[in-house]
Amino acid sequence: MKTRITYLLFIAVFLSSCAAPRSVVNSGKVTPHKQFRLGSNFSGNISTSVASSLFEGAISTADDLINNDTITFDSSIPILEKVALSYSLDPIGTGYDFFVRYGLYKRVDIGYKFASGVHVFDAMYQFMGSTGNGGNPNGMCGSIGLQYSSQSYDLPFGLNTVQKLLGFDLKRKDLFIPIIFSVPIGEEEKYGAFSFGLAYNQSFINYGFNPDNIFYKKLNSTTPILIEAVNEKKNYHSLGMFVNVKAGYEFIYLVTSLAVYYQDFGNYNILNTNSLHFSGFTFVPTIGIQFTTGKLGKKKKTSASSFNNE
């Protein structure tokens, strides 16, 4: 049994995570007009608000209770609820993403990212520095973005027993606003860039506990009563800072990034009129690879120009 629980804990904590996408790998220079930028990243999500020491007890307790027809509410249930909520709000684990960006206008690009099963859409506006179409190619660049993501959260293998026992579900929507400044390495980031900045994230949470076999007993009563379900809406914000380094040559770059966030998640109502409060720091290290394409229609325009010159 001990070996099985350790194995489940390893999978839940180290191999699977579905956190809000908050890694920042872009520089302050948006994708040049009519060009594409694409790549992939591997990120971690290390949360101080999640006590990993709780997982083993939670999995063991849920395994013992899940097959019971009737469960009496006791002190073990709030522990399971704490694990389910904290891990859903800000999990410990790793994730991956694949992204593509397109230079829509001279100072605006748009992007799509598939991040560990989550669809993410965003746009960036460059308010400072060269865009690749003129200006100072060696000067500092600055941009601001808006990112939207939405997901329904399922606890990973191992902790899914906890989710089933509690009838737990959580849906979230996130708005993420990064402000990025960067110093190019080479003209127009030919060899890469050093970037830094601040980020703000607003999260909108719908969550609920809807168990169908957890009962409690009223004082002076011998008849157990099905515990009342909890369904709530919450929102909270996160503030953070980040740095990243992009290094490569012209079309291919390696990127490393570290972001740090602080959030006060607030109070969350749970079963039997109890409540939980969460707050803490989150560290998001990332490593990835980026590719940049040439300008669409460039060859065609060059040919036309050559023909006219002849």
Protein backbone atom coordinates (compact mmCIF):
# COMPACT_ATOMS: atom_id res chain seq x y z
CA MET A 1 0.00 0.00 0.00
CA LYS A 2 2.84 2.39 0.91
CA THR A 3 4.52 1.81 -2.47
CA ARG A 4 1.25 2.45 -4.32
CA ILE A 5 0.60 5.72 -2.51
CA THR A 6 4.16 6.94 -3.15
CA TYR A 7 3.78 6.11 -6.83
CA LEU A 8 0.48 8.02 -7.07
CA LEU A 9 2.01 10.96 -5.25
CA PHE A 10 4.93 11.05 -7.68
CA ILE A 11 2.59 11.13 -10.68
CA ALA A 12 0.28 13.77 -9.19
CA VAL A 13 2.96 16.18 -8.03
CA PHE A 14 5.75 15.87 -10.57
CA LEU A 15 4.18 14.83 -13.87
CA SER A 16 0.84 16.58 -14.14
CA SER A 17 -0.20 20.16 -13.55
CA CYS A 18 -2.87 22.38 -15.02
CA ALA A 19 -2.06 25.79 -13.57
CA ALA A 20 -3.14 29.12 -15.01
CA PRO A 21 -0.68 29.94 -17.86
CA ARG A 22 1.63 32.60 -16.36
CA SER A 23 5.06 31.92 -17.82
CA VAL A 24 6.49 34.88 -19.78
CA VAL A 25 8.87 34.00 -22.62
CA ASN A 26 8.23 36.95 -24.96
CA SER A 27 10.51 39.95 -25.27
CA GLY A 28 9.37 43.56 -25.44
CA LYS A 29 9.52 43.39 -29.23
CA VAL A 30 6.35 41.99 -30.81
CA THR A 31 6.43 39.67 -33.81
CA PRO A 32 7.21 41.81 -36.89
CA HIS A 33 4.36 42.51 -39.30
CA LYS A 34 3.39 39.47 -41.41
CA GLN A 35 5.88 37.19 -39.67
CA PHE A 36 5.26 34.13 -37.50
CA ARG A 37 6.91 33.08 -34.27
CA LEU A 38 6.30 29.56 -32.96
CA GLY A 39 7.76 27.24 -30.37
CA SER A 40 7.29 25.11 -27.30
CA ASN A 41 7.99 25.48 -23.57
CA PHE A 42 8.28 23.26 -20.53
CA SER A 43 7.33 24.92 -17.23
CA GLY A 44 7.11 24.19 -13.54
CA ASN A 45 4.60 25.55 -11.03
CA ILE A 46 5.94 25.61 -7.48
CA SER A 47 3.37 26.86 -4.97
CA THR A 48 4.07 27.62 -1.31
CA SER A 49 0.33 27.55 -0.56
CA VAL A 50 0.13 23.80 -1.24
CA ALA A 51 1.52 21.56 1.51
CA SER A 52 2.79 18.49 -0.29
CA SER A 53 2.90 16.59 3.00
CA LEU A 54 -0.91 16.45 2.91
CA PHE A 55 -1.11 14.42 -0.30
CA GLU A 56 -0.18 11.01 1.07
CA GLY A 57 -2.72 11.19 3.89
CA ALA A 58 -5.38 12.53 1.53
CA ILE A 59 -4.96 9.73 -1.01
CA SER A 60 -4.92 7.07 1.70
CA THR A 61 -8.03 8.50 3.40
CA ALA A 62 -9.95 8.82 0.13
CA ASP A 63 -9.06 5.24 -0.87
CA ASP A 64 -10.42 3.99 2.46
CA LEU A 65 -13.70 5.96 2.21
CA ILE A 66 -14.56 5.90 -1.50
CA ASN A 67 -16.25 2.47 -1.48
CA ASN A 68 -18.42 3.16 1.58
CA ASP A 69 -22.15 3.59 0.93
CA THR A 70 -22.44 6.04 3.82
CA ILE A 71 -19.69 8.33 5.11
CA THR A 72 -20.01 10.23 8.39
CA PHE A 73 -18.57 13.74 8.32
CA ASP A 74 -15.48 13.97 10.53
CA SER A 75 -12.14 15.80 10.73
CA SER A 76 -10.72 13.94 7.71
CA ILE A 77 -13.18 15.55 5.26
CA PRO A 78 -11.88 19.16 5.64
CA ILE A 79 -8.34 17.84 5.04
CA LEU A 80 -9.48 16.34 1.74
CA GLU A 81 -11.25 19.58 0.82
CA LYS A 82 -8.10 21.59 1.57
CA VAL A 83 -6.05 19.39 -0.74
CA ALA A 84 -8.65 19.54 -3.54
CA LEU A 85 -9.00 23.33 -3.38
CA SER A 86 -5.34 24.26 -2.90
CA TYR A 87 -4.14 21.91 -5.64
CA SER A 88 -6.79 23.21 -8.06
CA LEU A 89 -6.13 26.89 -7.35
CA ASP A 90 -2.34 26.66 -7.61
CA PRO A 91 -0.96 23.15 -8.20
CA ILE A 92 2.56 21.88 -7.70
CA GLY A 93 3.74 20.22 -10.89
CA THR A 94 4.99 20.63 -14.43
CA GLY A 95 3.38 21.47 -17.75
CA TYR A 96 4.08 22.07 -21.41
CA ASP A 97 2.81 24.40 -24.11
CA PHE A 98 2.93 24.89 -27.87
CA PHE A 99 2.40 28.37 -29.25
CA VAL A 100 2.20 30.39 -32.45
CA ARG A 101 2.24 34.19 -32.85
CA TYR A 102 1.57 36.39 -35.87
CA GLY A 103 2.49 40.02 -36.55
CA LEU A 104 -0.95 41.46 -37.29
CA TYR A 105 0.10 45.10 -37.64
CA LYS A 106 3.30 47.08 -37.27
CA ARG A 107 3.13 47.20 -33.46
CA VAL A 108 0.56 44.49 -32.72
CA ASP A 109 0.83 40.71 -32.70
CA ILE A 110 -1.65 38.02 -31.68
CA GLY A 111 -1.02 34.56 -30.28
CA TYR A 112 -2.53 31.17 -29.53
CA LYS A 113 -1.13 28.71 -27.00
CA PHE A 114 -2.10 25.15 -26.10
CA ALA A 115 -0.89 24.77 -22.51
CA SER A 116 -1.35 21.33 -20.92
CA GLY A 117 -4.85 21.02 -22.35
CA VAL A 118 -5.81 24.70 -21.89
CA HIS A 119 -6.56 27.00 -24.85
CA VAL A 120 -4.97 30.43 -24.43
CA PHE A 121 -5.46 33.54 -26.58
CA ASP A 122 -3.58 36.82 -26.32
CA ALA A 123 -2.48 40.03 -28.05
CA MET A 124 0.53 42.30 -27.50
CA TYR A 125 0.99 46.01 -28.27
CA GLN A 126 4.52 47.43 -28.55
CA PHE A 127 4.66 51.00 -27.28
CA MET A 128 8.44 51.48 -27.34
CA GLY A 129 11.42 50.56 -29.52
CA SER A 130 12.05 49.22 -33.00
CA THR A 131 9.54 46.84 -34.60
CA GLY A 132 11.88 45.53 -37.29
CA ASN A 133 10.46 48.06 -39.74
CA GLY A 134 12.62 51.03 -38.85
CA GLY A 135 13.68 52.81 -35.66
CA ASN A 136 16.67 52.11 -33.43
CA PRO A 137 17.46 48.38 -33.85
CA ASN A 138 19.68 48.40 -30.73
CA GLY A 139 17.34 50.32 -28.41
CA MET A 140 15.20 49.02 -25.55
CA CYS A 141 11.74 47.70 -26.44
CA GLY A 142 8.57 47.73 -24.38
CA SER A 143 5.15 46.12 -24.82
CA ILE A 144 1.95 45.34 -22.94
CA GLY A 145 -0.30 42.35 -23.47
CA LEU A 146 -3.68 40.87 -22.60
CA GLN A 147 -4.14 37.08 -22.31
CA TYR A 148 -7.34 35.07 -21.76
CA SER A 149 -7.67 31.42 -20.74
CA SER A 150 -10.49 29.22 -19.50
CA GLN A 151 -10.49 25.69 -18.07
CA SER A 152 -12.41 23.09 -16.12
CA TYR A 153 -10.14 21.50 -13.58
CA ASP A 154 -9.79 17.77 -12.94
CA LEU A 155 -7.43 16.56 -10.23
CA PRO A 156 -4.66 14.33 -11.62
CA PHE A 157 -4.40 10.57 -11.36
CA GLY A 158 -4.16 9.60 -7.69
CA LEU A 159 -5.98 12.67 -6.40
CA ASN A 160 -8.97 11.98 -8.67
CA THR A 161 -10.29 9.67 -5.93
CA VAL A 162 -10.43 12.71 -3.64
CA GLN A 163 -12.36 14.63 -6.30
CA LYS A 164 -14.89 11.83 -6.79
CA LEU A 165 -15.45 11.35 -3.06
CA LEU A 166 -16.15 15.05 -2.46
CA GLY A 167 -18.11 15.65 -5.67
CA PHE A 168 -15.64 18.45 -6.29
CA ASP A 169 -15.51 20.58 -9.43
CA LEU A 170 -13.77 23.83 -10.28
CA LYS A 171 -13.89 26.06 -13.35
CA ARG A 172 -11.73 29.11 -13.83
CA LYS A 173 -11.16 32.01 -16.21
CA ASP A 174 -8.00 34.09 -16.13
CA LEU A 175 -7.05 37.50 -17.50
CA PHE A 176 -3.28 38.01 -17.57
CA ILE A 177 -1.56 41.36 -18.28
CA PRO A 178 2.25 41.40 -18.68
CA ILE A 179 4.33 44.56 -19.17
CA ILE A 180 7.61 43.55 -20.82
CA PHE A 181 10.84 45.51 -21.35
CA SER A 182 13.78 44.05 -23.23
CA VAL A 183 17.31 44.88 -24.31
CA PRO A 184 18.25 43.32 -27.67
CA ILE A 185 21.41 41.28 -28.18
CA GLY A 186 22.45 42.30 -31.68
CA GLU A 187 20.40 44.42 -34.06
CA GLU A 188 16.67 43.57 -33.94
CA GLU A 189 17.41 40.75 -31.46
CA LYS A 190 19.55 38.94 -34.02
CA TYR A 191 21.28 36.97 -31.24
CA GLY A 192 18.49 37.21 -28.67
CA ALA A 193 17.38 39.51 -25.86
CA PHE A 194 17.29 40.04 -22.11
CA SER A 195 13.76 40.78 -20.87
CA PHE A 196 12.13 41.71 -17.57
CA GLY A 197 8.89 43.16 -16.32
CA LEU A 198 5.77 42.98 -14.19
CA ALA A 199 2.58 40.95 -14.54
CA TYR A 200 -0.97 41.07 -13.17
CA ASN A 201 -3.41 38.15 -13.20
CA GLN A 202 -7.13 38.24 -12.34
CA SER A 203 -8.80 34.85 -11.75
CA PHE A 204 -12.54 34.12 -11.70
CA ILE A 205 -13.40 30.86 -9.93
CA ASN A 206 -16.58 28.73 -9.84
CA TYR A 207 -16.24 25.76 -7.50
CA GLY A 208 -18.42 23.29 -5.66
CA PHE A 209 -18.54 20.29 -3.33
CA ASN A 210 -21.51 18.05 -4.14
CA PRO A 211 -21.04 14.68 -2.37
CA ASP A 212 -23.84 12.12 -2.57
CA ASN A 213 -22.91 9.91 0.40
CA ILE A 214 -21.44 12.13 3.13
CA PHE A 215 -23.79 12.54 6.12
CA TYR A 216 -23.71 14.27 9.48
CA LYS A 217 -25.70 13.82 12.69
CA LYS A 218 -27.56 16.60 14.45
CA LEU A 219 -27.27 16.90 18.20
CA ASN A 220 -29.76 14.63 20.01
CA SER A 221 -30.67 12.91 16.75
CA THR A 222 -29.86 9.40 15.59
CA THR A 223 -30.88 9.95 11.96
CA PRO A 224 -27.99 11.00 9.68
CA ILE A 225 -28.66 13.87 7.27
CA LEU A 226 -27.07 14.26 3.83
CA ILE A 227 -24.62 17.13 4.05
CA GLU A 228 -25.59 20.26 2.13
CA ALA A 229 -23.71 20.95 -1.09
CA VAL A 230 -21.54 24.03 -1.51
CA ASN A 231 -21.37 26.04 -4.76
CA GLU A 232 -19.55 29.37 -4.76
CA LYS A 233 -18.03 32.05 -6.99
CA LYS A 234 -14.76 33.74 -6.08
CA ASN A 235 -12.16 35.95 -7.69
CA TYR A 236 -8.64 36.96 -6.70
CA HIS A 237 -5.63 38.68 -8.22
CA SER A 238 -1.93 37.87 -8.46
CA LEU A 239 1.00 40.25 -8.80
CA GLY A 240 4.38 39.16 -10.09
CA MET A 241 7.67 39.92 -11.75
CA PHE A 242 9.75 37.99 -14.24
CA VAL A 243 13.01 37.82 -16.17
CA ASN A 244 13.87 35.84 -19.28
CA VAL A 245 16.84 35.39 -21.58
CA LYS A 246 16.57 34.51 -25.28
CA ALA A 247 19.75 33.34 -27.03
CA GLY A 248 20.28 32.02 -30.55
CA TYR A 249 20.75 33.25 -34.10
CA GLU A 250 18.21 34.83 -36.49
CA PHE A 251 15.61 32.07 -36.75
CA ILE A 252 16.05 29.74 -33.75
CA TYR A 253 16.43 30.64 -30.07
CA LEU A 254 16.59 28.97 -26.68
CA VAL A 255 14.63 30.77 -23.94
CA THR A 256 14.86 30.47 -20.16
CA SER A 257 12.51 32.32 -17.83
CA LEU A 258 11.62 32.70 -14.16
CA ALA A 259 8.43 34.36 -12.88
CA VAL A 260 7.46 34.91 -9.22
CA TYR A 261 3.89 35.71 -8.12
CA TYR A 262 2.14 36.48 -4.85
CA GLN A 263 -1.56 35.94 -4.37
CA ASP A 264 -4.08 36.01 -1.54
CA PHE A 265 -6.71 33.55 -2.70
CA GLY A 266 -9.16 34.62 0.02
CA ASN A 267 -11.67 32.56 2.02
CA TYR A 268 -13.48 29.56 0.54
CA ASN A 269 -16.61 28.00 2.03
CA ILE A 270 -16.52 24.22 2.35
CA LEU A 271 -18.84 21.50 3.66
CA ASN A 272 -20.56 21.77 7.05
CA THR A 273 -20.29 25.62 7.20
CA ASN A 274 -16.50 25.56 7.47
CA SER A 275 -14.12 27.76 5.46
CA LEU A 276 -10.49 27.73 4.30
CA HIS A 277 -8.04 30.53 3.52
CA PHE A 278 -5.07 30.35 1.14
CA SER A 279 -2.21 32.70 0.27
CA GLY A 280 1.38 32.40 -0.82
CA PHE A 281 4.06 32.72 -3.48
CA THR A 282 4.30 30.82 -6.76
CA PHE A 283 7.51 30.25 -8.74
CA VAL A 284 7.25 29.49 -12.47
CA PRO A 285 10.56 28.41 -14.09
CA THR A 286 10.42 27.80 -17.85
CA ILE A 287 12.69 26.59 -20.63
CA GLY A 288 11.71 26.58 -24.28
CA ILE A 289 12.61 26.93 -27.94
CA GLN A 290 11.41 29.56 -30.44
CA PHE A 291 11.44 29.75 -34.23
CA THR A 292 10.91 32.89 -36.31
CA THR A 293 9.81 32.83 -39.95
CA GLY A 294 10.52 35.34 -42.70
CA LYS A 295 8.01 37.92 -43.88
CA LEU A 296 5.05 36.54 -45.84
CA GLY A 297 5.22 37.46 -49.51
CA LYS A 298 8.81 38.63 -49.23
CA LYS A 299 10.10 36.52 -52.10
CA LYS A 300 7.23 37.51 -54.32
CA LYS A 301 7.82 41.22 -53.70
CA THR A 302 11.57 40.85 -54.29
CA SER A 303 10.96 39.14 -57.63
CA ALA A 304 8.59 41.87 -58.71
CA SER A 305 11.14 44.52 -57.71
CA SER A 306 13.90 42.77 -59.63
CA PHE A 307 11.68 42.49 -62.72
CA ASN A 308 10.88 46.23 -62.62
CA ASN A 309 14.57 47.12 -62.22
CA GLU A 310 15.40 45.09 -65.27
